[in-house]
Amino acid sequence: MPYQPTFVSFAPTYMCNLSCAHCCVPKTSDQQLPLDLALTCIREAAGLRITAVGFTGGEPMLVFEWVAEAVREAVRVGLEADDLSTNGVWWSHRDELEMRLRVLKVAGFAGGFHLSVDAFHAGAGGERQAEFIRAAIEIFGTAGSLSCAESPNHSAMPVIVELARHLDAEVTEESAETGHLDVGGVTVRYFRFPVAEVGQRAHVGVSTGAEWFGDFDCFGHDSVYVDPEGKARFCLGFATYAAPALCLGDVAQEGLAAVMSSAAADPLVELLCAEGPRGLRRVIEEGDPDAFLEPWSSPCSFCYHCLTDKRRVSVLREAGLVG
């Protein structure tokens, strides 16, 4: 399929009130994406068949007024604003929590929070996250969903169960990766996904079974991510922070429309849109048949590995996919 994102996610800042061991966001930058640049991108996005905007970080609620203004502009130009990743413990008192959520509601945000609930996050599963969920349900009628990172040594389930206890909620496991909490009749879904142990990112995602991730178990092509430095990147997976090949361009210098236009002709982007990480596997095994002696269970981890490991990058460079 051709490269045509329908969603743009902004990281206004890398700043965060937490310091989680597994986090792949750059810790050295305190740069903030200029609000006027983000507003220009939002206006451009409305003419690019993009339908929705979202916010990530860092912790986007640390620059709350920035987020609120961006939500207002997105709604004004006809885009949906319904995606915000947060740790849910950035607030100092209940009045502050309620005030900020109500301002977002009035601005037009629809309540699509992605709350990080896992063993890596300080306060995850505790009363403060439960309070965030209760306030979000009260104001928006929903708390969005729970994003649950885990590794072989850090299961998310005990934290999910603890959060449910604070909420007096029922937990229903639907599969090994998904389930939901019934919070007073409101369904709050959770999604479990693999990440690395500290210092082990290159190997996380190697399967203990005999099967690879799905043939096209990746939706990176549907989004474009703008970081605090104004760089547009191909997806929201953790590979995007470390792999230069996934940087599409500089929206401050080129504009969002021009960056997306040039990205559509990039051979790596074309491959990922057509085949996903499966395409990386095919190309690398054509040049190095013994490259992967074990299957991988995580497409994000596999993409990270292929685009940062010198041996794999060398094969991709010879194939003309990376510079």
C-alpha atoms as a PDB file:
ATOM      1  CA  MET A   1       0.000   0.000   0.000  1.00  0.00           C
ATOM      2  CA  PRO A   2       1.250   3.558  -0.608  1.00  0.00           C
ATOM      3  CA  TYR A   3       2.421   5.764   2.229  1.00  0.00           C
ATOM      4  CA  GLN A   4      -0.610   7.752   3.360  1.00  0.00           C
ATOM      5  CA  PRO A   5      -0.740   8.387   7.117  1.00  0.00           C
ATOM      6  CA  THR A   6      -4.103   9.256   8.616  1.00  0.00           C
ATOM      7  CA  PHE A   7      -2.731  10.181  12.040  1.00  0.00           C
ATOM      8  CA  VAL A   8      -0.039  12.605  13.215  1.00  0.00           C
ATOM      9  CA  SER A   9       1.323  12.378  16.751  1.00  0.00           C
ATOM     10  CA  PHE A  10       3.204  15.250  18.351  1.00  0.00           C
ATOM     11  CA  ALA A  11       5.761  14.948  21.135  1.00  0.00           C
ATOM     12  CA  PRO A  12       5.855  18.509  22.469  1.00  0.00           C
ATOM     13  CA  THR A  13       8.565  17.584  24.979  1.00  0.00           C
ATOM     14  CA  TYR A  14      10.810  14.742  26.104  1.00  0.00           C
ATOM     15  CA  MET A  15      10.521  15.967  29.716  1.00  0.00           C
ATOM     16  CA  CYS A  16       8.878  13.589  32.153  1.00  0.00           C
ATOM     17  CA  ASN A  17       8.121  13.497  35.861  1.00  0.00           C
ATOM     18  CA  LEU A  18       9.306   9.877  35.934  1.00  0.00           C
ATOM     19  CA  SER A  19      12.541   8.144  34.947  1.00  0.00           C
ATOM     20  CA  CYS A  20      11.609   4.629  33.850  1.00  0.00           C
ATOM     21  CA  ALA A  21      14.403   2.148  33.248  1.00  0.00           C
ATOM     22  CA  HIS A  22      12.948   0.758  30.031  1.00  0.00           C
ATOM     23  CA  CYS A  23      12.203   4.137  28.407  1.00  0.00           C
ATOM     24  CA  CYS A  24      13.752   4.697  24.979  1.00  0.00           C
ATOM     25  CA  VAL A  25      12.925   8.422  24.751  1.00  0.00           C
ATOM     26  CA  PRO A  26      16.084  10.599  24.633  1.00  0.00           C
ATOM     27  CA  LYS A  27      16.888  11.866  28.143  1.00  0.00           C
ATOM     28  CA  THR A  28      19.404  14.526  27.158  1.00  0.00           C
ATOM     29  CA  SER A  29      17.124  16.942  25.339  1.00  0.00           C
ATOM     30  CA  ASP A  30      15.011  19.565  27.097  1.00  0.00           C
ATOM     31  CA  GLN A  31      13.913  21.082  23.778  1.00  0.00           C
ATOM     32  CA  GLN A  32      10.214  21.839  23.302  1.00  0.00           C
ATOM     33  CA  LEU A  33       8.491  21.702  19.927  1.00  0.00           C
ATOM     34  CA  PRO A  34       7.485  25.303  19.123  1.00  0.00           C
ATOM     35  CA  LEU A  35       3.723  25.622  19.412  1.00  0.00           C
ATOM     36  CA  ASP A  36       3.454  27.742  16.260  1.00  0.00           C
ATOM     37  CA  LEU A  37       5.247  25.017  14.285  1.00  0.00           C
ATOM     38  CA  ALA A  38       2.847  22.382  15.625  1.00  0.00           C
ATOM     39  CA  LEU A  39      -0.159  24.560  14.749  1.00  0.00           C
ATOM     40  CA  THR A  40       1.191  25.015  11.211  1.00  0.00           C
ATOM     41  CA  CYS A  41       1.590  21.238  10.891  1.00  0.00           C
ATOM     42  CA  ILE A  42      -1.968  20.722  12.130  1.00  0.00           C
ATOM     43  CA  ARG A  43      -3.306  23.117   9.509  1.00  0.00           C
ATOM     44  CA  GLU A  44      -1.264  21.351   6.813  1.00  0.00           C
ATOM     45  CA  ALA A  45      -2.432  17.963   8.069  1.00  0.00           C
ATOM     46  CA  ALA A  46      -6.053  18.915   7.470  1.00  0.00           C
ATOM     47  CA  GLY A  47      -5.282  19.064   3.740  1.00  0.00           C
ATOM     48  CA  LEU A  48      -3.281  15.836   3.599  1.00  0.00           C
ATOM     49  CA  ARG A  49      -6.008  13.256   4.230  1.00  0.00           C
ATOM     50  CA  ILE A  50      -4.883  13.079   7.855  1.00  0.00           C
ATOM     51  CA  THR A  51      -7.940  12.741  10.057  1.00  0.00           C
ATOM     52  CA  ALA A  52      -6.624  12.741  13.631  1.00  0.00           C
ATOM     53  CA  VAL A  53      -3.891  14.109  15.877  1.00  0.00           C
ATOM     54  CA  GLY A  54      -2.448  12.829  19.137  1.00  0.00           C
ATOM     55  CA  PHE A  55       0.161  13.618  21.757  1.00  0.00           C
ATOM     56  CA  THR A  56       2.988  11.698  23.349  1.00  0.00           C
ATOM     57  CA  GLY A  57       6.321  12.478  24.999  1.00  0.00           C
ATOM     58  CA  GLY A  58       7.916  12.551  27.488  1.00  0.00           C
ATOM     59  CA  GLU A  59       4.854  13.408  29.485  1.00  0.00           C
ATOM     60  CA  PRO A  60       2.727  15.759  27.378  1.00  0.00           C
ATOM     61  CA  MET A  61       0.676  16.926  30.360  1.00  0.00           C
ATOM     62  CA  LEU A  62       3.765  18.703  31.711  1.00  0.00           C
ATOM     63  CA  VAL A  63       3.205  21.243  28.915  1.00  0.00           C
ATOM     64  CA  PHE A  64      -0.530  21.289  29.371  1.00  0.00           C
ATOM     65  CA  GLU A  65      -1.299  24.697  27.820  1.00  0.00           C
ATOM     66  CA  TRP A  66       0.634  23.673  24.694  1.00  0.00           C
ATOM     67  CA  VAL A  67      -1.477  20.519  24.382  1.00  0.00           C
ATOM     68  CA  ALA A  68      -4.750  22.347  25.012  1.00  0.00           C
ATOM     69  CA  GLU A  69      -4.005  24.920  22.310  1.00  0.00           C
ATOM     70  CA  ALA A  70      -3.034  22.205  19.828  1.00  0.00           C
ATOM     71  CA  VAL A  71      -6.281  20.349  20.574  1.00  0.00           C
ATOM     72  CA  ARG A  72      -8.278  23.536  19.953  1.00  0.00           C
ATOM     73  CA  GLU A  73      -6.579  24.091  16.588  1.00  0.00           C
ATOM     74  CA  ALA A  74      -7.040  20.482  15.516  1.00  0.00           C
ATOM     75  CA  VAL A  75     -10.745  20.600  16.279  1.00  0.00           C
ATOM     76  CA  ARG A  76     -11.057  23.999  14.587  1.00  0.00           C
ATOM     77  CA  VAL A  77      -9.699  22.635  11.294  1.00  0.00           C
ATOM     78  CA  GLY A  78     -11.847  19.507  11.454  1.00  0.00           C
ATOM     79  CA  LEU A  79      -9.420  16.936  12.833  1.00  0.00           C
ATOM     80  CA  GLU A  80     -10.133  14.521  15.639  1.00  0.00           C
ATOM     81  CA  ALA A  81      -8.086  14.970  18.836  1.00  0.00           C
ATOM     82  CA  ASP A  82      -8.489  11.720  20.720  1.00  0.00           C
ATOM     83  CA  ASP A  83      -5.095  10.203  21.524  1.00  0.00           C
ATOM     84  CA  LEU A  84      -2.852  11.187  24.438  1.00  0.00           C
ATOM     85  CA  SER A  85      -0.233   8.992  26.105  1.00  0.00           C
ATOM     86  CA  THR A  86       0.310   9.698  29.792  1.00  0.00           C
ATOM     87  CA  ASN A  87       1.591   8.116  32.975  1.00  0.00           C
ATOM     88  CA  GLY A  88      -1.407   9.540  34.843  1.00  0.00           C
ATOM     89  CA  VAL A  89       0.602  10.639  37.887  1.00  0.00           C
ATOM     90  CA  TRP A  90       1.802  14.082  36.729  1.00  0.00           C
ATOM     91  CA  TRP A  91      -0.715  15.971  38.898  1.00  0.00           C
ATOM     92  CA  SER A  92      -0.108  17.218  42.440  1.00  0.00           C
ATOM     93  CA  HIS A  93      -3.683  17.448  43.751  1.00  0.00           C
ATOM     94  CA  ARG A  94      -7.160  16.379  42.663  1.00  0.00           C
ATOM     95  CA  ASP A  95      -8.259  19.922  41.788  1.00  0.00           C
ATOM     96  CA  GLU A  96      -5.363  20.266  39.336  1.00  0.00           C
ATOM     97  CA  LEU A  97      -6.204  16.900  37.768  1.00  0.00           C
ATOM     98  CA  GLU A  98      -9.876  17.751  37.310  1.00  0.00           C
ATOM     99  CA  MET A  99      -9.182  21.272  36.036  1.00  0.00           C
ATOM    100  CA  ARG A 100      -6.810  20.125  33.329  1.00  0.00           C
ATOM    101  CA  LEU A 101      -9.045  17.299  32.178  1.00  0.00           C
ATOM    102  CA  ARG A 102     -12.030  19.658  32.019  1.00  0.00           C
ATOM    103  CA  VAL A 103     -10.043  22.180  29.959  1.00  0.00           C
ATOM    104  CA  LEU A 104      -9.129  19.413  27.504  1.00  0.00           C
ATOM    105  CA  LYS A 105     -12.778  18.381  27.335  1.00  0.00           C
ATOM    106  CA  VAL A 106     -13.900  21.939  26.520  1.00  0.00           C
ATOM    107  CA  ALA A 107     -11.076  22.240  23.942  1.00  0.00           C
ATOM    108  CA  GLY A 108     -12.495  19.230  22.115  1.00  0.00           C
ATOM    109  CA  PHE A 109     -10.380  16.294  23.281  1.00  0.00           C
ATOM    110  CA  ALA A 110     -12.519  13.155  23.228  1.00  0.00           C
ATOM    111  CA  GLY A 111     -10.927  11.201  26.091  1.00  0.00           C
ATOM    112  CA  GLY A 112      -8.697   8.739  24.256  1.00  0.00           C
ATOM    113  CA  PHE A 113      -5.962   8.451  26.863  1.00  0.00           C
ATOM    114  CA  HIS A 114      -3.302   5.746  26.741  1.00  0.00           C
ATOM    115  CA  LEU A 115      -2.359   5.249  30.374  1.00  0.00           C
ATOM    116  CA  SER A 116       0.982   3.500  30.987  1.00  0.00           C
ATOM    117  CA  VAL A 117       0.317   0.718  33.483  1.00  0.00           C
ATOM    118  CA  ASP A 118       3.206  -1.684  33.970  1.00  0.00           C
ATOM    119  CA  ALA A 119       5.965  -2.715  36.337  1.00  0.00           C
ATOM    120  CA  PHE A 120       8.399  -0.194  34.846  1.00  0.00           C
ATOM    121  CA  HIS A 121       6.394   2.914  35.785  1.00  0.00           C
ATOM    122  CA  ALA A 122       6.595   4.431  39.267  1.00  0.00           C
ATOM    123  CA  GLY A 123       3.135   4.557  40.749  1.00  0.00           C
ATOM    124  CA  ALA A 124       1.641   2.270  38.120  1.00  0.00           C
ATOM    125  CA  GLY A 125      -1.319   0.334  39.418  1.00  0.00           C
ATOM    126  CA  GLY A 126      -1.562   2.535  42.484  1.00  0.00           C
ATOM    127  CA  GLU A 127      -4.207   4.807  43.926  1.00  0.00           C
ATOM    128  CA  ARG A 128      -3.037   7.861  41.939  1.00  0.00           C
ATOM    129  CA  GLN A 129      -3.536   6.106  38.607  1.00  0.00           C
ATOM    130  CA  ALA A 130      -6.885   4.853  39.873  1.00  0.00           C
ATOM    131  CA  GLU A 131      -7.794   8.444  40.714  1.00  0.00           C
ATOM    132  CA  PHE A 132      -6.834   9.518  37.192  1.00  0.00           C
ATOM    133  CA  ILE A 133      -9.121   6.845  35.730  1.00  0.00           C
ATOM    134  CA  ARG A 134     -12.010   7.839  37.985  1.00  0.00           C
ATOM    135  CA  ALA A 135     -11.604  11.513  37.051  1.00  0.00           C
ATOM    136  CA  ALA A 136     -11.376  10.722  33.319  1.00  0.00           C
ATOM    137  CA  ILE A 137     -14.533   8.611  33.467  1.00  0.00           C
ATOM    138  CA  GLU A 138     -16.356  11.332  35.389  1.00  0.00           C
ATOM    139  CA  ILE A 139     -15.394  14.029  32.857  1.00  0.00           C
ATOM    140  CA  PHE A 140     -15.186  12.158  29.534  1.00  0.00           C
ATOM    141  CA  GLY A 141     -17.267   9.066  30.185  1.00  0.00           C
ATOM    142  CA  THR A 142     -14.186   6.999  29.335  1.00  0.00           C
ATOM    143  CA  ALA A 143     -10.609   6.597  30.537  1.00  0.00           C
ATOM    144  CA  GLY A 144      -9.263   5.474  27.174  1.00  0.00           C
ATOM    145  CA  SER A 145      -7.076   2.380  27.380  1.00  0.00           C
ATOM    146  CA  LEU A 146      -4.141   0.992  29.338  1.00  0.00           C
ATOM    147  CA  SER A 147      -0.769   0.506  27.612  1.00  0.00           C
ATOM    148  CA  CYS A 148       1.109  -2.256  29.409  1.00  0.00           C
ATOM    149  CA  ALA A 149       4.788  -2.750  28.602  1.00  0.00           C
ATOM    150  CA  GLU A 150       6.341  -5.971  29.818  1.00  0.00           C
ATOM    151  CA  SER A 151       9.412  -8.134  29.480  1.00  0.00           C
ATOM    152  CA  PRO A 152      10.177 -11.749  30.415  1.00  0.00           C
ATOM    153  CA  ASN A 153      11.056 -10.565  33.934  1.00  0.00           C
ATOM    154  CA  HIS A 154       8.386  -7.880  34.281  1.00  0.00           C
ATOM    155  CA  SER A 155       4.812  -9.061  33.695  1.00  0.00           C
ATOM    156  CA  ALA A 156       2.182  -6.357  33.515  1.00  0.00           C
ATOM    157  CA  MET A 157      -0.618  -8.514  34.928  1.00  0.00           C
ATOM    158  CA  PRO A 158       0.144  -8.051  38.651  1.00  0.00           C
ATOM    159  CA  VAL A 159       0.080  -4.274  38.136  1.00  0.00           C
ATOM    160  CA  ILE A 160      -3.183  -4.455  36.180  1.00  0.00           C
ATOM    161  CA  VAL A 161      -4.722  -6.572  38.935  1.00  0.00           C
ATOM    162  CA  GLU A 162      -3.521  -4.114  41.597  1.00  0.00           C
ATOM    163  CA  LEU A 163      -5.030  -1.200  39.686  1.00  0.00           C
ATOM    164  CA  ALA A 164      -8.306  -3.087  39.407  1.00  0.00           C
ATOM    165  CA  ARG A 165      -8.282  -3.620  43.175  1.00  0.00           C
ATOM    166  CA  HIS A 166      -8.009   0.139  43.756  1.00  0.00           C
ATOM    167  CA  LEU A 167     -10.896   0.668  41.328  1.00  0.00           C
ATOM    168  CA  ASP A 168     -13.026  -2.157  42.720  1.00  0.00           C
ATOM    169  CA  ALA A 169     -13.092  -3.430  39.140  1.00  0.00           C
ATOM    170  CA  GLU A 170     -13.345  -6.801  37.446  1.00  0.00           C
ATOM    171  CA  VAL A 171     -10.465  -7.931  35.177  1.00  0.00           C
ATOM    172  CA  THR A 172     -11.250 -10.002  32.087  1.00  0.00           C
ATOM    173  CA  GLU A 173      -8.383 -11.536  30.098  1.00  0.00           C
ATOM    174  CA  GLU A 174      -9.379 -11.842  26.433  1.00  0.00           C
ATOM    175  CA  SER A 175      -6.047 -13.150  25.122  1.00  0.00           C
ATOM    176  CA  ALA A 176      -2.387 -13.243  26.102  1.00  0.00           C
ATOM    177  CA  GLU A 177      -2.095  -9.601  25.012  1.00  0.00           C
ATOM    178  CA  THR A 178      -5.497  -8.034  25.601  1.00  0.00           C
ATOM    179  CA  GLY A 179      -8.288  -7.730  28.126  1.00  0.00           C
ATOM    180  CA  HIS A 180     -10.365  -5.166  29.942  1.00  0.00           C
ATOM    181  CA  LEU A 181     -11.414  -3.778  33.300  1.00  0.00           C
ATOM    182  CA  ASP A 182     -15.069  -3.205  34.112  1.00  0.00           C
ATOM    183  CA  VAL A 183     -15.017   0.014  36.135  1.00  0.00           C
ATOM    184  CA  GLY A 184     -18.572   0.619  37.316  1.00  0.00           C
ATOM    185  CA  GLY A 185     -19.997  -0.355  33.939  1.00  0.00           C
ATOM    186  CA  VAL A 186     -17.316   1.452  31.913  1.00  0.00           C
ATOM    187  CA  THR A 187     -15.002  -0.804  29.905  1.00  0.00           C
ATOM    188  CA  VAL A 188     -11.313   0.128  30.080  1.00  0.00           C
ATOM    189  CA  ARG A 189      -9.273  -2.018  27.702  1.00  0.00           C
ATOM    190  CA  TYR A 190      -5.640  -2.967  28.241  1.00  0.00           C
ATOM    191  CA  PHE A 191      -2.978  -3.960  25.716  1.00  0.00           C
ATOM    192  CA  ARG A 192       0.210  -5.803  26.726  1.00  0.00           C
ATOM    193  CA  PHE A 193       3.285  -5.439  24.504  1.00  0.00           C
ATOM    194  CA  PRO A 194       6.927  -6.565  24.825  1.00  0.00           C
ATOM    195  CA  VAL A 195       9.808  -4.201  25.555  1.00  0.00           C
ATOM    196  CA  ALA A 196      13.422  -4.722  26.521  1.00  0.00           C
ATOM    197  CA  GLU A 197      15.009  -5.334  29.831  1.00  0.00           C
ATOM    198  CA  VAL A 198      17.525  -2.602  30.602  1.00  0.00           C
ATOM    199  CA  GLY A 199      20.481  -3.019  28.257  1.00  0.00           C
ATOM    200  CA  GLN A 200      18.903  -5.897  26.342  1.00  0.00           C
ATOM    201  CA  ARG A 201      16.937  -4.144  23.618  1.00  0.00           C
ATOM    202  CA  ALA A 202      18.780  -5.775  20.709  1.00  0.00           C
ATOM    203  CA  HIS A 203      17.552  -9.225  21.748  1.00  0.00           C
ATOM    204  CA  VAL A 204      14.101  -8.608  23.159  1.00  0.00           C
ATOM    205  CA  GLY A 205      11.374 -10.052  20.990  1.00  0.00           C
ATOM    206  CA  VAL A 206      13.167 -13.301  20.121  1.00  0.00           C
ATOM    207  CA  SER A 207      10.410 -15.892  20.323  1.00  0.00           C
ATOM    208  CA  THR A 208      10.472 -18.857  22.659  1.00  0.00           C
ATOM    209  CA  GLY A 209       8.203 -20.697  20.216  1.00  0.00           C
ATOM    210  CA  ALA A 210       8.523 -21.612  16.569  1.00  0.00           C
ATOM    211  CA  GLU A 211       6.468 -18.833  15.012  1.00  0.00           C
ATOM    212  CA  TRP A 212       7.356 -15.346  13.829  1.00  0.00           C
ATOM    213  CA  PHE A 213       5.180 -12.305  14.375  1.00  0.00           C
ATOM    214  CA  GLY A 214       2.338 -11.994  11.872  1.00  0.00           C
ATOM    215  CA  ASP A 215       3.021 -11.413   8.207  1.00  0.00           C
ATOM    216  CA  PHE A 216       1.934  -7.807   8.593  1.00  0.00           C
ATOM    217  CA  ASP A 217       1.775  -7.200  12.328  1.00  0.00           C
ATOM    218  CA  CYS A 218       2.656  -3.503  12.063  1.00  0.00           C
ATOM    219  CA  PHE A 219       0.666  -0.339  11.505  1.00  0.00           C
ATOM    220  CA  GLY A 220       3.509   2.171  11.470  1.00  0.00           C
ATOM    221  CA  HIS A 221       2.668   3.307   7.963  1.00  0.00           C
ATOM    222  CA  ASP A 222      -0.619   4.763   9.209  1.00  0.00           C
ATOM    223  CA  SER A 223       1.038   7.418  11.387  1.00  0.00           C
ATOM    224  CA  VAL A 224       3.673  10.119  11.295  1.00  0.00           C
ATOM    225  CA  TYR A 225       5.411  11.265  14.461  1.00  0.00           C
ATOM    226  CA  VAL A 226       6.817  14.778  15.029  1.00  0.00           C
ATOM    227  CA  ASP A 227       9.414  14.982  17.797  1.00  0.00           C
ATOM    228  CA  PRO A 228      10.369  18.000  19.967  1.00  0.00           C
ATOM    229  CA  GLU A 229      13.130  18.942  17.511  1.00  0.00           C
ATOM    230  CA  GLY A 230      10.676  19.168  14.620  1.00  0.00           C
ATOM    231  CA  LYS A 231      11.823  15.949  12.962  1.00  0.00           C
ATOM    232  CA  ALA A 232       9.128  13.846  11.323  1.00  0.00           C
ATOM    233  CA  ARG A 233       9.541  10.122  11.859  1.00  0.00           C
ATOM    234  CA  PHE A 234       7.920   7.093  10.268  1.00  0.00           C
ATOM    235  CA  CYS A 235       6.141   5.552  13.237  1.00  0.00           C
ATOM    236  CA  LEU A 236       5.575   5.579  16.996  1.00  0.00           C
ATOM    237  CA  GLY A 237       7.582   2.434  17.756  1.00  0.00           C
ATOM    238  CA  PHE A 238      10.776   2.680  19.787  1.00  0.00           C
ATOM    239  CA  ALA A 239      12.918   2.050  16.679  1.00  0.00           C
ATOM    240  CA  THR A 240      12.018   5.523  15.463  1.00  0.00           C
ATOM    241  CA  TYR A 241      14.160   7.130  18.179  1.00  0.00           C
ATOM    242  CA  ALA A 242      17.328   5.214  17.323  1.00  0.00           C
ATOM    243  CA  ALA A 243      17.217   4.426  13.605  1.00  0.00           C
ATOM    244  CA  PRO A 244      18.281   7.356  11.382  1.00  0.00           C
ATOM    245  CA  ALA A 245      16.606   5.691   8.407  1.00  0.00           C
ATOM    246  CA  LEU A 246      13.183   6.235  10.005  1.00  0.00           C
ATOM    247  CA  CYS A 247      13.664  10.021  10.157  1.00  0.00           C
ATOM    248  CA  LEU A 248      11.673  11.384   7.216  1.00  0.00           C
ATOM    249  CA  GLY A 249      12.703  15.034   7.349  1.00  0.00           C
ATOM    250  CA  ASP A 250      12.519  18.345   9.204  1.00  0.00           C
ATOM    251  CA  VAL A 251       9.062  19.928   9.244  1.00  0.00           C
ATOM    252  CA  ALA A 252      10.507  23.279  10.355  1.00  0.00           C
ATOM    253  CA  GLN A 253      12.669  23.449   7.229  1.00  0.00           C
ATOM    254  CA  GLU A 254      10.481  21.646   4.705  1.00  0.00           C
ATOM    255  CA  GLY A 255       6.910  21.630   5.994  1.00  0.00           C
ATOM    256  CA  LEU A 256       4.840  18.560   6.746  1.00  0.00           C
ATOM    257  CA  ALA A 257       3.430  18.183   3.237  1.00  0.00           C
ATOM    258  CA  ALA A 258       6.860  18.210   1.586  1.00  0.00           C
ATOM    259  CA  VAL A 259       8.278  15.758   4.124  1.00  0.00           C
ATOM    260  CA  MET A 260       5.438  13.321   3.517  1.00  0.00           C
ATOM    261  CA  SER A 261       5.728  13.687  -0.251  1.00  0.00           C
ATOM    262  CA  SER A 262       9.444  12.849  -0.274  1.00  0.00           C
ATOM    263  CA  ALA A 263       8.917  10.037   2.236  1.00  0.00           C
ATOM    264  CA  ALA A 264       6.429   8.374  -0.106  1.00  0.00           C
ATOM    265  CA  ALA A 265       9.256   7.844  -2.620  1.00  0.00           C
ATOM    266  CA  ASP A 266      11.768   6.551  -0.063  1.00  0.00           C
ATOM    267  CA  PRO A 267      12.574   2.861  -0.776  1.00  0.00           C
ATOM    268  CA  LEU A 268      12.587   1.885   2.918  1.00  0.00           C
ATOM    269  CA  VAL A 269       9.216   3.550   3.480  1.00  0.00           C
ATOM    270  CA  GLU A 270       7.850   1.842   0.368  1.00  0.00           C
ATOM    271  CA  LEU A 271       9.025  -1.530   1.666  1.00  0.00           C
ATOM    272  CA  LEU A 272       7.587  -1.033   5.146  1.00  0.00           C
ATOM    273  CA  CYS A 273       4.258   0.122   3.731  1.00  0.00           C
ATOM    274  CA  ALA A 274       4.087  -2.842   1.364  1.00  0.00           C
ATOM    275  CA  GLU A 275       5.327  -5.617   3.625  1.00  0.00           C
ATOM    276  CA  GLY A 276       5.958  -4.273   7.119  1.00  0.00           C
ATOM    277  CA  PRO A 277       8.873  -5.765   9.114  1.00  0.00           C
ATOM    278  CA  ARG A 278       8.362  -8.972   7.124  1.00  0.00           C
ATOM    279  CA  GLY A 279       9.930  -7.098   4.211  1.00  0.00           C
ATOM    280  CA  LEU A 280      13.056  -6.353   6.236  1.00  0.00           C
ATOM    281  CA  ARG A 281      13.349 -10.033   7.045  1.00  0.00           C
ATOM    282  CA  ARG A 282      12.976 -11.021   3.375  1.00  0.00           C
ATOM    283  CA  VAL A 283      15.611  -8.572   2.130  1.00  0.00           C
ATOM    284  CA  ILE A 284      18.113  -9.395   4.869  1.00  0.00           C
ATOM    285  CA  GLU A 285      17.732 -13.158   4.428  1.00  0.00           C
ATOM    286  CA  GLU A 286      18.223 -12.765   0.678  1.00  0.00           C
ATOM    287  CA  GLY A 287      21.600 -11.170   1.402  1.00  0.00           C
ATOM    288  CA  ASP A 288      22.409 -13.221   4.508  1.00  0.00           C
ATOM    289  CA  PRO A 289      20.494 -16.545   4.642  1.00  0.00           C
ATOM    290  CA  ASP A 290      21.690 -17.335   8.181  1.00  0.00           C
ATOM    291  CA  ALA A 291      20.810 -13.920   9.594  1.00  0.00           C
ATOM    292  CA  PHE A 292      17.993 -15.133  11.852  1.00  0.00           C
ATOM    293  CA  LEU A 293      18.395 -18.515  13.468  1.00  0.00           C
ATOM    294  CA  GLU A 294      15.446 -17.939  15.808  1.00  0.00           C
ATOM    295  CA  PRO A 295      12.005 -16.451  15.168  1.00  0.00           C
ATOM    296  CA  TRP A 296      11.025 -13.071  16.600  1.00  0.00           C
ATOM    297  CA  SER A 297       7.730 -12.423  18.374  1.00  0.00           C
ATOM    298  CA  SER A 298       7.743  -8.608  18.338  1.00  0.00           C
ATOM    299  CA  PRO A 299       7.682  -6.650  15.059  1.00  0.00           C
ATOM    300  CA  CYS A 300       8.808  -3.425  16.801  1.00  0.00           C
ATOM    301  CA  SER A 301      11.806  -5.125  18.372  1.00  0.00           C
ATOM    302  CA  PHE A 302      12.651  -6.780  15.069  1.00  0.00           C
ATOM    303  CA  CYS A 303      12.495  -3.471  13.195  1.00  0.00           C
ATOM    304  CA  TYR A 304      14.710  -1.851  15.829  1.00  0.00           C
ATOM    305  CA  HIS A 305      17.212  -4.686  15.528  1.00  0.00           C
ATOM    306  CA  CYS A 306      17.308  -4.615  11.718  1.00  0.00           C
ATOM    307  CA  LEU A 307      17.757  -0.840  11.519  1.00  0.00           C
ATOM    308  CA  THR A 308      20.377  -0.446  14.270  1.00  0.00           C
ATOM    309  CA  ASP A 309      22.475  -3.636  14.071  1.00  0.00           C
ATOM    310  CA  LYS A 310      25.535  -2.948  11.891  1.00  0.00           C
ATOM    311  CA  ARG A 311      25.410  -6.331  10.160  1.00  0.00           C
ATOM    312  CA  ARG A 312      21.733  -5.971   9.239  1.00  0.00           C
ATOM    313  CA  VAL A 313      22.086  -2.322   8.206  1.00  0.00           C
ATOM    314  CA  SER A 314      24.962  -3.296   5.915  1.00  0.00           C
ATOM    315  CA  VAL A 315      22.721  -5.748   4.050  1.00  0.00           C
ATOM    316  CA  LEU A 316      19.944  -3.171   3.782  1.00  0.00           C
ATOM    317  CA  ARG A 317      22.431  -0.606   2.480  1.00  0.00           C
ATOM    318  CA  GLU A 318      23.640  -3.000  -0.217  1.00  0.00           C
ATOM    319  CA  ALA A 319      19.998  -3.503  -1.210  1.00  0.00           C
ATOM    320  CA  GLY A 320      19.606   0.272  -1.615  1.00  0.00           C
ATOM    321  CA  LEU A 321      17.092   0.640   1.236  1.00  0.00           C
ATOM    322  CA  VAL A 322      19.171   2.845   3.548  1.00  0.00           C
ATOM    323  CA  GLY A 323      21.833   5.429   2.917  1.00  0.00           C
END
